[in-house]
Amino acid sequence: MKKRLNVLCIVVIIVLSYSFFTGLYYFSLGVCAGLDMAKETQKSKQIMNMSITRVKLMPKSSLVFTDSLYNLKSHTKVPVMHSELEVKLNSSTCNIGTTITSALLSLSYMIAIVFSFYYFIKVISSINKSIIFDWKNVKRLRFLGTALLLSFLIDSIICVLELYKIKNTIEFAGYNIDGLDLLQTTNLILGLVSFIVAEIFAIALKMKEEQDLTI
C-alpha cells in the first residue's frame, strides 16, 4: 500500500515541480527584462522592445480555411488555417510598471507552490509514519488546498494580463486571439482534491470521536 502511495506522491511532486519551474522561468524573464530596462543606452532599449510572443488564433468566420500556402510538390496554393503563431513584435506596451507587476506575481506564484510542496510532504511523511486520521493532517491538507488555489488565482491574473497585452498589441485580419489555452487548471484541480480529502479525513475523525464517546 505504501509503495503504491509513494508512486502516486512522486507523480504529484512532478506536477508541482513543473508548476514551480514554470513560475521560475517567467520570474527570471521578468528579472531579465527589468535589468534590461535599467540600461540607458539606445541599443538596450531597442532590444528591450523586441519580444517574441506565442499567439493562439481562432477564425472569425465559418470559412476556416481562409489563408493559403504554396505547395512546392503540386505547385498550387493549398487552403490553410492558422491556429498558432510565434510573432516578433516591437512592443511599446512593455514598461517598468508591467514588468515589476509580472515579476511580483511570478514570485508570489512560486512562493505558493513552495508552500504546497511543504504541506504535501508533511502529509505524506505523517502517513508513512502510520499517522493518517489526525487533525494535524486535516489542517495540512486545507493549507495545501489553499496554497494550490492561491497559485491558480495568481496564475489566472498573470494570464489575463498577458492576454490583455497581446490583444492591445496585435490583431490579425480574419482571426480572433484565443486566450483560453493560457489558463492551466492543474493546480485548481489538485487544490479542490486536497479540500475534498481534508473533509473526508475530518468526517472520519468526527465519526471516530463519536464512537469513542459512546463506548
N, C-alpha and C. Protein backbone atom coordinates (compact mmCIF):
# COMPACT_ATOMS: atom_id res chain seq x y z
N MET A 1 0.83 -1.21 0.00
CA MET A 1 0.00 0.00 0.00
C MET A 1 0.86 1.26 0.00
N LYS A 2 1.89 1.24 0.88
CA LYS A 2 2.75 2.43 0.97
C LYS A 2 3.54 2.63 -0.32
N LYS A 3 3.94 1.51 -0.96
CA LYS A 3 4.67 1.62 -2.21
C LYS A 3 3.81 2.29 -3.28
N ARG A 4 2.53 1.88 -3.37
CA ARG A 4 1.62 2.49 -4.33
C ARG A 4 1.38 3.96 -4.02
N LEU A 5 1.26 4.26 -2.72
CA LEU A 5 1.08 5.65 -2.30
C LEU A 5 2.29 6.49 -2.66
N ASN A 6 3.48 5.96 -2.45
CA ASN A 6 4.70 6.71 -2.76
C ASN A 6 4.83 6.98 -4.26
N VAL A 7 4.40 6.02 -5.08
CA VAL A 7 4.43 6.23 -6.54
C VAL A 7 3.49 7.37 -6.93
N LEU A 8 2.28 7.36 -6.36
CA LEU A 8 1.32 8.44 -6.64
C LEU A 8 1.86 9.79 -6.15
N CYS A 9 2.53 9.78 -5.02
CA CYS A 9 3.11 11.02 -4.49
C CYS A 9 4.21 11.57 -5.39
N ILE A 10 4.98 10.67 -5.96
CA ILE A 10 6.03 11.10 -6.89
C ILE A 10 5.41 11.78 -8.10
N VAL A 11 4.29 11.24 -8.59
CA VAL A 11 3.59 11.84 -9.73
C VAL A 11 3.12 13.25 -9.38
N VAL A 12 2.54 13.40 -8.19
CA VAL A 12 2.07 14.72 -7.76
C VAL A 12 3.23 15.69 -7.62
N ILE A 13 4.36 15.22 -7.08
CA ILE A 13 5.54 16.07 -6.91
C ILE A 13 6.06 16.53 -8.27
N ILE A 14 6.00 15.64 -9.27
CA ILE A 14 6.43 16.01 -10.62
C ILE A 14 5.53 17.13 -11.17
N VAL A 15 4.22 17.00 -10.95
CA VAL A 15 3.28 18.04 -11.41
C VAL A 15 3.57 19.37 -10.72
N LEU A 16 3.77 19.33 -9.40
CA LEU A 16 4.07 20.55 -8.66
C LEU A 16 5.41 21.14 -9.08
N SER A 17 6.38 20.25 -9.37
CA SER A 17 7.69 20.73 -9.82
C SER A 17 7.57 21.45 -11.16
N TYR A 18 6.73 20.90 -12.04
CA TYR A 18 6.50 21.56 -13.32
C TYR A 18 5.93 22.96 -13.11
N SER A 19 4.95 23.07 -12.21
CA SER A 19 4.36 24.38 -11.92
C SER A 19 5.39 25.33 -11.34
N PHE A 20 6.25 24.80 -10.46
CA PHE A 20 7.26 25.65 -9.82
C PHE A 20 8.26 26.17 -10.84
N PHE A 21 8.78 25.28 -11.67
CA PHE A 21 9.80 25.70 -12.63
C PHE A 21 9.22 26.56 -13.74
N THR A 22 7.93 26.38 -14.03
CA THR A 22 7.27 27.29 -14.97
C THR A 22 7.22 28.70 -14.39
N GLY A 23 6.83 28.80 -13.12
CA GLY A 23 6.84 30.10 -12.45
C GLY A 23 8.22 30.69 -12.36
N LEU A 24 9.23 29.84 -12.09
CA LEU A 24 10.62 30.31 -12.02
C LEU A 24 11.09 30.85 -13.35
N TYR A 25 10.65 30.20 -14.43
CA TYR A 25 11.03 30.64 -15.77
C TYR A 25 10.48 32.04 -16.05
N TYR A 26 9.17 32.24 -15.77
CA TYR A 26 8.57 33.54 -16.03
C TYR A 26 9.12 34.61 -15.09
N PHE A 27 9.46 34.21 -13.87
CA PHE A 27 10.06 35.16 -12.94
C PHE A 27 11.42 35.61 -13.45
N SER A 28 12.21 34.67 -13.97
CA SER A 28 13.53 35.02 -14.49
C SER A 28 13.41 35.93 -15.71
N LEU A 29 12.35 35.68 -16.52
CA LEU A 29 12.12 36.57 -17.66
C LEU A 29 11.83 37.99 -17.20
N GLY A 30 11.01 38.10 -16.14
CA GLY A 30 10.70 39.43 -15.60
C GLY A 30 11.92 40.13 -15.05
N VAL A 31 12.79 39.37 -14.36
CA VAL A 31 14.01 39.95 -13.80
C VAL A 31 14.94 40.41 -14.92
N CYS A 32 15.09 39.57 -15.95
CA CYS A 32 15.95 39.94 -17.07
C CYS A 32 15.45 41.19 -17.79
N ALA A 33 14.11 41.26 -17.95
CA ALA A 33 13.53 42.43 -18.61
C ALA A 33 13.76 43.68 -17.76
N GLY A 34 13.65 43.53 -16.44
CA GLY A 34 13.89 44.65 -15.54
C GLY A 34 15.33 45.13 -15.60
N LEU A 35 16.27 44.19 -15.70
CA LEU A 35 17.68 44.56 -15.82
C LEU A 35 17.95 45.27 -17.13
N ASP A 36 17.28 44.81 -18.19
CA ASP A 36 17.44 45.48 -19.49
C ASP A 36 16.91 46.91 -19.44
N MET A 37 15.79 47.08 -18.72
CA MET A 37 15.20 48.41 -18.65
C MET A 37 16.07 49.38 -17.86
N ALA A 38 16.89 48.84 -16.98
CA ALA A 38 17.75 49.70 -16.17
C ALA A 38 18.88 50.31 -16.99
N LYS A 39 19.15 49.74 -18.14
CA LYS A 39 20.21 50.27 -19.01
C LYS A 39 19.68 51.46 -19.80
N GLU A 40 20.49 52.46 -19.97
CA GLU A 40 20.04 53.70 -20.59
C GLU A 40 20.44 53.85 -22.05
N THR A 41 21.23 52.94 -22.56
CA THR A 41 21.69 53.09 -23.93
C THR A 41 20.57 52.80 -24.92
N GLN A 42 20.64 53.40 -26.09
CA GLN A 42 19.62 53.21 -27.11
C GLN A 42 19.58 51.77 -27.58
N LYS A 43 20.73 51.11 -27.59
CA LYS A 43 20.77 49.73 -28.04
C LYS A 43 19.97 48.83 -27.12
N SER A 44 20.14 49.03 -25.84
CA SER A 44 19.41 48.20 -24.88
C SER A 44 17.92 48.45 -24.97
N LYS A 45 17.53 49.69 -25.25
CA LYS A 45 16.10 50.00 -25.38
C LYS A 45 15.50 49.29 -26.58
N GLN A 46 16.25 49.23 -27.68
CA GLN A 46 15.74 48.56 -28.87
C GLN A 46 15.58 47.06 -28.62
N ILE A 47 16.55 46.46 -27.94
CA ILE A 47 16.45 45.03 -27.63
C ILE A 47 15.28 44.77 -26.71
N MET A 48 15.12 45.67 -25.73
CA MET A 48 14.05 45.51 -24.74
C MET A 48 12.68 45.51 -25.39
N ASN A 49 12.52 46.34 -26.41
CA ASN A 49 11.20 46.49 -27.02
C ASN A 49 10.84 45.36 -27.97
N MET A 50 11.82 44.52 -28.33
CA MET A 50 11.54 43.40 -29.19
C MET A 50 11.19 42.19 -28.34
N SER A 51 10.05 41.58 -28.61
CA SER A 51 9.62 40.42 -27.83
C SER A 51 8.99 39.38 -28.75
N ILE A 52 9.23 38.11 -28.43
CA ILE A 52 8.64 37.00 -29.17
C ILE A 52 7.43 36.51 -28.39
N THR A 53 6.29 36.52 -29.02
CA THR A 53 5.03 36.15 -28.37
C THR A 53 4.35 35.01 -29.12
N ARG A 54 3.91 34.01 -28.37
CA ARG A 54 3.15 32.91 -28.96
C ARG A 54 1.67 33.24 -28.86
N VAL A 55 0.98 33.14 -29.98
CA VAL A 55 -0.42 33.56 -30.05
C VAL A 55 -1.27 32.41 -30.59
N LYS A 56 -2.37 32.14 -29.89
CA LYS A 56 -3.36 31.18 -30.36
C LYS A 56 -4.46 31.93 -31.12
N LEU A 57 -4.87 31.39 -32.27
CA LEU A 57 -5.82 32.08 -33.12
C LEU A 57 -7.08 31.23 -33.34
N MET A 58 -8.20 31.94 -33.47
CA MET A 58 -9.48 31.33 -33.85
C MET A 58 -10.06 32.11 -35.01
N PRO A 59 -10.50 31.43 -36.09
CA PRO A 59 -11.06 32.16 -37.25
C PRO A 59 -12.36 32.86 -36.88
N LYS A 60 -12.56 34.03 -37.44
CA LYS A 60 -13.77 34.79 -37.16
C LYS A 60 -14.98 34.25 -37.92
N SER A 61 -14.76 33.74 -39.13
CA SER A 61 -15.87 33.28 -39.96
C SER A 61 -15.96 31.75 -39.94
N SER A 62 -17.08 31.24 -40.48
CA SER A 62 -17.26 29.79 -40.58
C SER A 62 -16.37 29.18 -41.66
N LEU A 63 -15.92 29.99 -42.59
CA LEU A 63 -14.99 29.52 -43.62
C LEU A 63 -13.58 29.56 -43.03
N VAL A 64 -13.20 28.46 -42.38
CA VAL A 64 -11.98 28.47 -41.58
C VAL A 64 -10.72 28.50 -42.42
N PHE A 65 -10.75 27.89 -43.61
CA PHE A 65 -9.55 27.84 -44.44
C PHE A 65 -9.51 29.06 -45.35
N THR A 66 -9.26 30.19 -44.75
CA THR A 66 -9.28 31.46 -45.49
C THR A 66 -7.89 31.86 -45.99
N ASP A 67 -6.83 31.21 -45.49
CA ASP A 67 -5.48 31.54 -45.93
C ASP A 67 -4.96 30.43 -46.83
N SER A 68 -3.76 30.62 -47.34
CA SER A 68 -3.20 29.60 -48.23
C SER A 68 -1.67 29.62 -48.15
N LEU A 69 -1.09 28.46 -48.45
CA LEU A 69 0.35 28.33 -48.56
C LEU A 69 0.67 27.64 -49.89
N TYR A 70 1.84 27.97 -50.42
CA TYR A 70 2.21 27.42 -51.73
C TYR A 70 2.82 26.03 -51.55
N ASN A 71 2.21 25.03 -52.23
CA ASN A 71 2.69 23.65 -52.18
C ASN A 71 3.73 23.44 -53.28
N LEU A 72 4.97 23.19 -52.86
CA LEU A 72 6.06 23.03 -53.83
C LEU A 72 5.94 21.73 -54.62
N LYS A 73 5.21 20.76 -54.10
CA LYS A 73 5.05 19.49 -54.81
C LYS A 73 4.07 19.61 -55.97
N SER A 74 2.93 20.22 -55.72
CA SER A 74 1.91 20.34 -56.78
C SER A 74 1.94 21.69 -57.46
N HIS A 75 2.76 22.62 -56.93
CA HIS A 75 2.85 23.98 -57.47
C HIS A 75 1.50 24.68 -57.49
N THR A 76 0.74 24.44 -56.42
CA THR A 76 -0.55 25.09 -56.25
C THR A 76 -0.66 25.62 -54.82
N LYS A 77 -1.58 26.52 -54.65
CA LYS A 77 -1.82 27.05 -53.31
C LYS A 77 -2.82 26.16 -52.57
N VAL A 78 -2.49 25.81 -51.35
CA VAL A 78 -3.32 24.92 -50.54
C VAL A 78 -4.01 25.74 -49.45
N PRO A 79 -5.34 25.60 -49.30
CA PRO A 79 -6.03 26.32 -48.23
C PRO A 79 -5.53 25.87 -46.85
N VAL A 80 -5.28 26.82 -45.99
CA VAL A 80 -4.81 26.52 -44.63
C VAL A 80 -5.53 27.41 -43.62
N MET A 81 -5.46 26.98 -42.37
CA MET A 81 -5.97 27.79 -41.26
C MET A 81 -4.88 27.87 -40.21
N HIS A 82 -4.56 29.06 -39.78
CA HIS A 82 -3.54 29.25 -38.74
C HIS A 82 -4.21 29.08 -37.37
N SER A 83 -3.59 28.27 -36.53
CA SER A 83 -4.11 28.09 -35.17
C SER A 83 -3.14 28.62 -34.12
N GLU A 84 -1.86 28.69 -34.47
CA GLU A 84 -0.87 29.18 -33.51
C GLU A 84 0.28 29.81 -34.27
N LEU A 85 0.72 30.96 -33.78
CA LEU A 85 1.83 31.68 -34.40
C LEU A 85 2.80 32.16 -33.34
N GLU A 86 4.05 32.28 -33.74
CA GLU A 86 5.03 32.97 -32.92
C GLU A 86 5.43 34.23 -33.67
N VAL A 87 5.19 35.37 -33.06
CA VAL A 87 5.44 36.64 -33.72
C VAL A 87 6.46 37.45 -32.93
N LYS A 88 7.27 38.16 -33.67
CA LYS A 88 8.28 39.03 -33.06
C LYS A 88 7.79 40.46 -33.18
N LEU A 89 7.57 41.10 -32.05
CA LEU A 89 6.93 42.41 -32.02
C LEU A 89 7.84 43.48 -31.47
N ASN A 90 7.69 44.67 -32.02
CA ASN A 90 8.33 45.84 -31.45
C ASN A 90 7.28 46.52 -30.57
N SER A 91 7.18 46.06 -29.33
CA SER A 91 6.07 46.44 -28.46
C SER A 91 6.44 47.63 -27.61
N SER A 92 5.53 48.59 -27.57
CA SER A 92 5.71 49.75 -26.68
C SER A 92 4.94 49.60 -25.40
N THR A 93 4.26 48.44 -25.26
CA THR A 93 3.44 48.23 -24.06
C THR A 93 4.27 47.76 -22.88
N CYS A 94 5.52 47.34 -23.12
CA CYS A 94 6.37 46.88 -22.03
C CYS A 94 6.96 48.08 -21.31
N ASN A 95 6.62 48.29 -20.08
CA ASN A 95 7.20 49.37 -19.28
C ASN A 95 7.60 48.82 -17.93
N ILE A 96 8.23 49.66 -17.13
CA ILE A 96 8.75 49.20 -15.85
C ILE A 96 7.64 48.75 -14.91
N GLY A 97 6.45 49.39 -15.01
CA GLY A 97 5.34 49.03 -14.13
C GLY A 97 4.83 47.63 -14.40
N THR A 98 4.58 47.33 -15.69
CA THR A 98 4.08 45.99 -16.03
C THR A 98 5.13 44.92 -15.77
N THR A 99 6.40 45.27 -15.97
CA THR A 99 7.47 44.30 -15.72
C THR A 99 7.57 43.96 -14.25
N ILE A 100 7.52 44.99 -13.39
CA ILE A 100 7.58 44.75 -11.94
C ILE A 100 6.37 43.96 -11.48
N THR A 101 5.17 44.30 -12.01
CA THR A 101 3.95 43.58 -11.64
C THR A 101 4.05 42.11 -12.01
N SER A 102 4.52 41.82 -13.23
CA SER A 102 4.66 40.44 -13.68
C SER A 102 5.68 39.68 -12.82
N ALA A 103 6.78 40.36 -12.47
CA ALA A 103 7.80 39.72 -11.65
C ALA A 103 7.27 39.41 -10.25
N LEU A 104 6.53 40.35 -9.66
CA LEU A 104 5.97 40.13 -8.32
C LEU A 104 4.93 39.02 -8.32
N LEU A 105 4.09 38.99 -9.36
CA LEU A 105 3.09 37.93 -9.46
C LEU A 105 3.76 36.56 -9.63
N SER A 106 4.80 36.50 -10.46
CA SER A 106 5.52 35.24 -10.66
C SER A 106 6.20 34.79 -9.37
N LEU A 107 6.76 35.75 -8.61
CA LEU A 107 7.38 35.42 -7.33
C LEU A 107 6.34 34.90 -6.35
N SER A 108 5.18 35.55 -6.30
CA SER A 108 4.09 35.09 -5.42
C SER A 108 3.63 33.69 -5.80
N TYR A 109 3.56 33.44 -7.09
CA TYR A 109 3.17 32.11 -7.58
C TYR A 109 4.16 31.05 -7.09
N MET A 110 5.45 31.35 -7.20
CA MET A 110 6.48 30.41 -6.76
C MET A 110 6.41 30.15 -5.26
N ILE A 111 6.15 31.21 -4.48
CA ILE A 111 6.03 31.05 -3.02
C ILE A 111 4.85 30.14 -2.68
N ALA A 112 3.72 30.33 -3.38
CA ALA A 112 2.55 29.47 -3.14
C ALA A 112 2.86 28.02 -3.47
N ILE A 113 3.61 27.78 -4.55
CA ILE A 113 3.98 26.42 -4.92
C ILE A 113 4.92 25.81 -3.88
N VAL A 114 5.85 26.61 -3.35
CA VAL A 114 6.77 26.12 -2.32
C VAL A 114 5.99 25.69 -1.07
N PHE A 115 5.00 26.50 -0.66
CA PHE A 115 4.14 26.12 0.48
C PHE A 115 3.37 24.84 0.17
N SER A 116 2.94 24.68 -1.09
CA SER A 116 2.25 23.46 -1.48
C SER A 116 3.16 22.24 -1.30
N PHE A 117 4.41 22.38 -1.74
CA PHE A 117 5.39 21.32 -1.54
C PHE A 117 5.52 20.97 -0.06
N TYR A 118 5.66 22.01 0.75
CA TYR A 118 5.91 21.82 2.18
C TYR A 118 4.77 21.03 2.84
N TYR A 119 3.54 21.47 2.63
CA TYR A 119 2.40 20.81 3.29
C TYR A 119 2.14 19.42 2.70
N PHE A 120 2.39 19.25 1.42
CA PHE A 120 2.21 17.93 0.81
C PHE A 120 3.21 16.94 1.40
N ILE A 121 4.46 17.35 1.52
CA ILE A 121 5.48 16.46 2.09
C ILE A 121 5.19 16.16 3.55
N LYS A 122 4.66 17.15 4.29
CA LYS A 122 4.31 16.92 5.69
C LYS A 122 3.20 15.87 5.82
N VAL A 123 2.20 15.94 4.95
CA VAL A 123 1.10 14.97 4.97
C VAL A 123 1.62 13.57 4.64
N ILE A 124 2.43 13.47 3.59
CA ILE A 124 2.95 12.16 3.18
C ILE A 124 3.86 11.59 4.26
N SER A 125 4.69 12.42 4.86
CA SER A 125 5.57 11.96 5.93
C SER A 125 4.77 11.42 7.11
N SER A 126 3.67 12.10 7.44
CA SER A 126 2.82 11.66 8.54
C SER A 126 2.15 10.32 8.21
N ILE A 127 1.68 10.17 6.97
CA ILE A 127 1.03 8.93 6.56
C ILE A 127 2.01 7.77 6.58
N ASN A 128 3.25 8.01 6.12
CA ASN A 128 4.26 6.96 6.13
C ASN A 128 4.64 6.53 7.55
N LYS A 129 4.36 7.39 8.52
CA LYS A 129 4.58 7.04 9.93
C LYS A 129 3.34 6.41 10.55
N SER A 130 2.37 6.06 9.68
CA SER A 130 1.10 5.45 10.10
C SER A 130 0.24 6.38 10.93
N ILE A 131 0.47 7.69 10.80
CA ILE A 131 -0.39 8.69 11.42
C ILE A 131 -1.26 9.27 10.31
N ILE A 132 -2.46 8.71 10.15
CA ILE A 132 -3.28 9.07 8.99
C ILE A 132 -4.44 9.97 9.40
N PHE A 133 -5.39 9.41 10.16
CA PHE A 133 -6.56 10.19 10.55
C PHE A 133 -6.22 11.00 11.80
N ASP A 134 -5.70 12.19 11.51
CA ASP A 134 -5.24 13.09 12.57
C ASP A 134 -5.65 14.51 12.19
N TRP A 135 -6.03 15.31 13.20
CA TRP A 135 -6.48 16.67 12.90
C TRP A 135 -5.36 17.52 12.30
N LYS A 136 -4.11 17.19 12.62
CA LYS A 136 -3.00 17.93 12.01
C LYS A 136 -2.97 17.70 10.50
N ASN A 137 -3.27 16.47 10.08
CA ASN A 137 -3.31 16.19 8.65
C ASN A 137 -4.46 16.92 7.96
N VAL A 138 -5.57 17.06 8.67
CA VAL A 138 -6.70 17.81 8.11
C VAL A 138 -6.29 19.26 7.87
N LYS A 139 -5.62 19.87 8.85
CA LYS A 139 -5.16 21.26 8.70
C LYS A 139 -4.13 21.37 7.58
N ARG A 140 -3.23 20.40 7.52
CA ARG A 140 -2.20 20.43 6.46
C ARG A 140 -2.83 20.32 5.08
N LEU A 141 -3.82 19.46 4.94
CA LEU A 141 -4.50 19.32 3.65
C LEU A 141 -5.25 20.59 3.28
N ARG A 142 -5.84 21.24 4.26
CA ARG A 142 -6.53 22.50 3.98
C ARG A 142 -5.56 23.60 3.60
N PHE A 143 -4.41 23.66 4.29
CA PHE A 143 -3.37 24.62 3.90
C PHE A 143 -2.84 24.31 2.50
N LEU A 144 -2.69 23.01 2.20
CA LEU A 144 -2.24 22.61 0.87
C LEU A 144 -3.24 23.06 -0.19
N GLY A 145 -4.53 22.83 0.05
CA GLY A 145 -5.56 23.26 -0.90
C GLY A 145 -5.57 24.76 -1.08
N THR A 146 -5.42 25.49 0.04
CA THR A 146 -5.40 26.96 -0.04
C THR A 146 -4.23 27.45 -0.87
N ALA A 147 -3.05 26.87 -0.65
CA ALA A 147 -1.86 27.28 -1.40
C ALA A 147 -2.02 26.99 -2.88
N LEU A 148 -2.59 25.83 -3.21
CA LEU A 148 -2.79 25.48 -4.62
C LEU A 148 -3.82 26.37 -5.29
N LEU A 149 -4.91 26.67 -4.59
CA LEU A 149 -5.92 27.57 -5.16
C LEU A 149 -5.38 28.98 -5.32
N LEU A 150 -4.54 29.40 -4.37
CA LEU A 150 -3.92 30.72 -4.47
C LEU A 150 -2.98 30.78 -5.67
N SER A 151 -2.22 29.71 -5.89
CA SER A 151 -1.33 29.68 -7.04
C SER A 151 -2.13 29.72 -8.34
N PHE A 152 -3.29 29.03 -8.37
CA PHE A 152 -4.15 29.08 -9.56
C PHE A 152 -4.67 30.49 -9.79
N LEU A 153 -5.08 31.16 -8.71
CA LEU A 153 -5.59 32.53 -8.84
C LEU A 153 -4.51 33.48 -9.36
N ILE A 154 -3.30 33.35 -8.83
CA ILE A 154 -2.20 34.21 -9.28
C ILE A 154 -1.88 33.94 -10.75
N ASP A 155 -1.84 32.64 -11.11
CA ASP A 155 -1.57 32.27 -12.49
C ASP A 155 -2.66 32.80 -13.42
N SER A 156 -3.91 32.81 -12.96
CA SER A 156 -5.01 33.35 -13.76
C SER A 156 -4.83 34.84 -14.00
N ILE A 157 -4.39 35.57 -12.98
CA ILE A 157 -4.16 37.01 -13.13
C ILE A 157 -3.03 37.25 -14.13
N ILE A 158 -1.97 36.44 -14.04
CA ILE A 158 -0.86 36.57 -14.99
C ILE A 158 -1.34 36.34 -16.41
N CYS A 159 -2.19 35.32 -16.60
CA CYS A 159 -2.72 35.01 -17.94
C CYS A 159 -3.60 36.13 -18.47
N VAL A 160 -4.43 36.70 -17.60
CA VAL A 160 -5.30 37.81 -18.02
C VAL A 160 -4.47 39.01 -18.45
N LEU A 161 -3.43 39.33 -17.68
CA LEU A 161 -2.56 40.45 -18.03
C LEU A 161 -1.83 40.20 -19.35
N GLU A 162 -1.38 38.95 -19.54
CA GLU A 162 -0.69 38.60 -20.79
C GLU A 162 -1.63 38.70 -21.98
N LEU A 163 -2.86 38.20 -21.80
CA LEU A 163 -3.84 38.28 -22.89
C LEU A 163 -4.20 39.72 -23.20
N TYR A 164 -4.34 40.55 -22.16
CA TYR A 164 -4.65 41.97 -22.35
C TYR A 164 -3.53 42.66 -23.15
N LYS A 165 -2.28 42.33 -22.80
CA LYS A 165 -1.14 42.92 -23.50
C LYS A 165 -1.12 42.49 -24.96
N ILE A 166 -1.39 41.20 -25.21
CA ILE A 166 -1.36 40.68 -26.58
C ILE A 166 -2.45 41.34 -27.43
N LYS A 167 -3.68 41.43 -26.87
CA LYS A 167 -4.79 41.98 -27.64
C LYS A 167 -4.63 43.47 -27.91
N ASN A 168 -3.90 44.17 -27.04
CA ASN A 168 -3.65 45.59 -27.26
C ASN A 168 -2.44 45.83 -28.16
N THR A 169 -1.74 44.76 -28.52
CA THR A 169 -0.53 44.90 -29.32
C THR A 169 -0.71 44.44 -30.75
N ILE A 170 -1.46 43.35 -30.94
CA ILE A 170 -1.59 42.79 -32.29
C ILE A 170 -3.05 42.44 -32.60
N GLU A 171 -3.35 42.42 -33.90
CA GLU A 171 -4.65 41.98 -34.40
C GLU A 171 -4.46 41.51 -35.83
N PHE A 172 -4.98 40.32 -36.15
CA PHE A 172 -4.85 39.76 -37.48
C PHE A 172 -6.21 39.72 -38.17
N ALA A 173 -6.21 40.04 -39.45
CA ALA A 173 -7.45 40.02 -40.24
C ALA A 173 -7.99 38.60 -40.32
N GLY A 174 -9.29 38.44 -40.01
CA GLY A 174 -9.94 37.15 -40.12
C GLY A 174 -9.78 36.24 -38.92
N TYR A 175 -9.06 36.70 -37.87
CA TYR A 175 -8.81 35.86 -36.71
C TYR A 175 -9.07 36.62 -35.41
N ASN A 176 -9.49 35.86 -34.40
CA ASN A 176 -9.56 36.37 -33.04
C ASN A 176 -8.44 35.76 -32.22
N ILE A 177 -7.96 36.52 -31.25
CA ILE A 177 -6.94 36.00 -30.34
C ILE A 177 -7.62 35.09 -29.32
N ASP A 178 -7.14 33.85 -29.23
CA ASP A 178 -7.71 32.87 -28.31
C ASP A 178 -6.80 32.74 -27.10
N GLY A 179 -7.33 33.11 -25.94
CA GLY A 179 -6.51 33.08 -24.73
C GLY A 179 -6.89 31.99 -23.75
N LEU A 180 -7.83 31.11 -24.12
CA LEU A 180 -8.28 30.08 -23.20
C LEU A 180 -7.18 29.09 -22.84
N ASP A 181 -6.29 28.81 -23.79
CA ASP A 181 -5.25 27.82 -23.54
C ASP A 181 -4.17 28.34 -22.59
N LEU A 182 -4.15 29.65 -22.35
CA LEU A 182 -3.15 30.20 -21.43
C LEU A 182 -3.40 29.76 -19.99
N LEU A 183 -4.66 29.50 -19.67
CA LEU A 183 -5.03 29.16 -18.31
C LEU A 183 -4.84 27.68 -18.04
N GLN A 184 -4.04 27.36 -17.03
CA GLN A 184 -3.78 25.98 -16.63
C GLN A 184 -4.60 25.66 -15.37
N THR A 185 -5.39 24.58 -15.44
CA THR A 185 -6.30 24.24 -14.35
C THR A 185 -5.75 23.14 -13.44
N THR A 186 -4.51 22.73 -13.64
CA THR A 186 -3.95 21.62 -12.85
C THR A 186 -3.96 21.94 -11.36
N ASN A 187 -3.49 23.12 -10.99
CA ASN A 187 -3.44 23.49 -9.57
C ASN A 187 -4.83 23.65 -8.98
N LEU A 188 -5.79 24.10 -9.79
CA LEU A 188 -7.17 24.22 -9.32
C LEU A 188 -7.72 22.84 -8.96
N ILE A 189 -7.50 21.87 -9.84
CA ILE A 189 -7.99 20.51 -9.60
C ILE A 189 -7.33 19.90 -8.37
N LEU A 190 -6.00 20.05 -8.28
CA LEU A 190 -5.27 19.50 -7.13
C LEU A 190 -5.72 20.16 -5.83
N GLY A 191 -5.98 21.47 -5.88
CA GLY A 191 -6.44 22.18 -4.68
C GLY A 191 -7.80 21.71 -4.23
N LEU A 192 -8.73 21.54 -5.17
CA LEU A 192 -10.07 21.05 -4.81
C LEU A 192 -10.01 19.62 -4.27
N VAL A 193 -9.16 18.78 -4.87
CA VAL A 193 -8.99 17.42 -4.38
C VAL A 193 -8.45 17.43 -2.96
N SER A 194 -7.51 18.34 -2.67
CA SER A 194 -6.96 18.45 -1.32
C SER A 194 -8.05 18.81 -0.31
N PHE A 195 -8.93 19.73 -0.66
CA PHE A 195 -10.04 20.10 0.23
C PHE A 195 -11.01 18.93 0.42
N ILE A 196 -11.27 18.18 -0.65
CA ILE A 196 -12.17 17.03 -0.54
C ILE A 196 -11.58 15.98 0.39
N VAL A 197 -10.29 15.68 0.21
CA VAL A 197 -9.64 14.69 1.08
C VAL A 197 -9.62 15.17 2.52
N ALA A 198 -9.39 16.47 2.71
CA ALA A 198 -9.39 17.04 4.06
C ALA A 198 -10.75 16.85 4.73
N GLU A 199 -11.83 17.08 3.99
CA GLU A 199 -13.17 16.92 4.55
C GLU A 199 -13.47 15.44 4.84
N ILE A 200 -12.98 14.54 3.98
CA ILE A 200 -13.15 13.11 4.24
C ILE A 200 -12.45 12.71 5.54
N PHE A 201 -11.23 13.23 5.71
CA PHE A 201 -10.49 12.96 6.95
C PHE A 201 -11.23 13.53 8.16
N ALA A 202 -11.78 14.74 8.01
CA ALA A 202 -12.48 15.39 9.12
C ALA A 202 -13.74 14.60 9.50
N ILE A 203 -14.49 14.13 8.50
CA ILE A 203 -15.69 13.34 8.78
C ILE A 203 -15.32 12.04 9.48
N ALA A 204 -14.25 11.38 9.01
CA ALA A 204 -13.81 10.13 9.63
C ALA A 204 -13.38 10.36 11.08
N LEU A 205 -12.69 11.46 11.33
CA LEU A 205 -12.25 11.76 12.69
C LEU A 205 -13.43 12.04 13.61
N LYS A 206 -14.43 12.79 13.10
CA LYS A 206 -15.61 13.07 13.91
C LYS A 206 -16.38 11.79 14.23
N MET A 207 -16.51 10.91 13.25
CA MET A 207 -17.18 9.64 13.48
C MET A 207 -16.43 8.80 14.51
N LYS A 208 -15.11 8.81 14.42
CA LYS A 208 -14.28 8.08 15.39
C LYS A 208 -14.44 8.63 16.80
N GLU A 209 -14.46 9.98 16.91
CA GLU A 209 -14.62 10.61 18.22
C GLU A 209 -16.00 10.30 18.81
N GLU A 210 -17.04 10.30 17.96
CA GLU A 210 -18.39 9.98 18.43
C GLU A 210 -18.48 8.53 18.89
N GLN A 211 -17.83 7.63 18.19
CA GLN A 211 -17.81 6.24 18.58
C GLN A 211 -17.08 6.03 19.90
N ASP A 212 -15.98 6.78 20.09
CA ASP A 212 -15.22 6.67 21.34
C ASP A 212 -16.05 7.16 22.53
N LEU A 213 -16.89 8.19 22.26
CA LEU A 213 -17.72 8.71 23.37
C LEU A 213 -18.85 7.76 23.74
N THR A 214 -19.35 6.99 22.77
CA THR A 214 -20.46 6.07 23.06
C THR A 214 -20.00 4.78 23.75
N ILE A 215 -18.70 4.52 23.67
CA ILE A 215 -18.19 3.30 24.31
C ILE A 215 -18.06 3.50 25.83
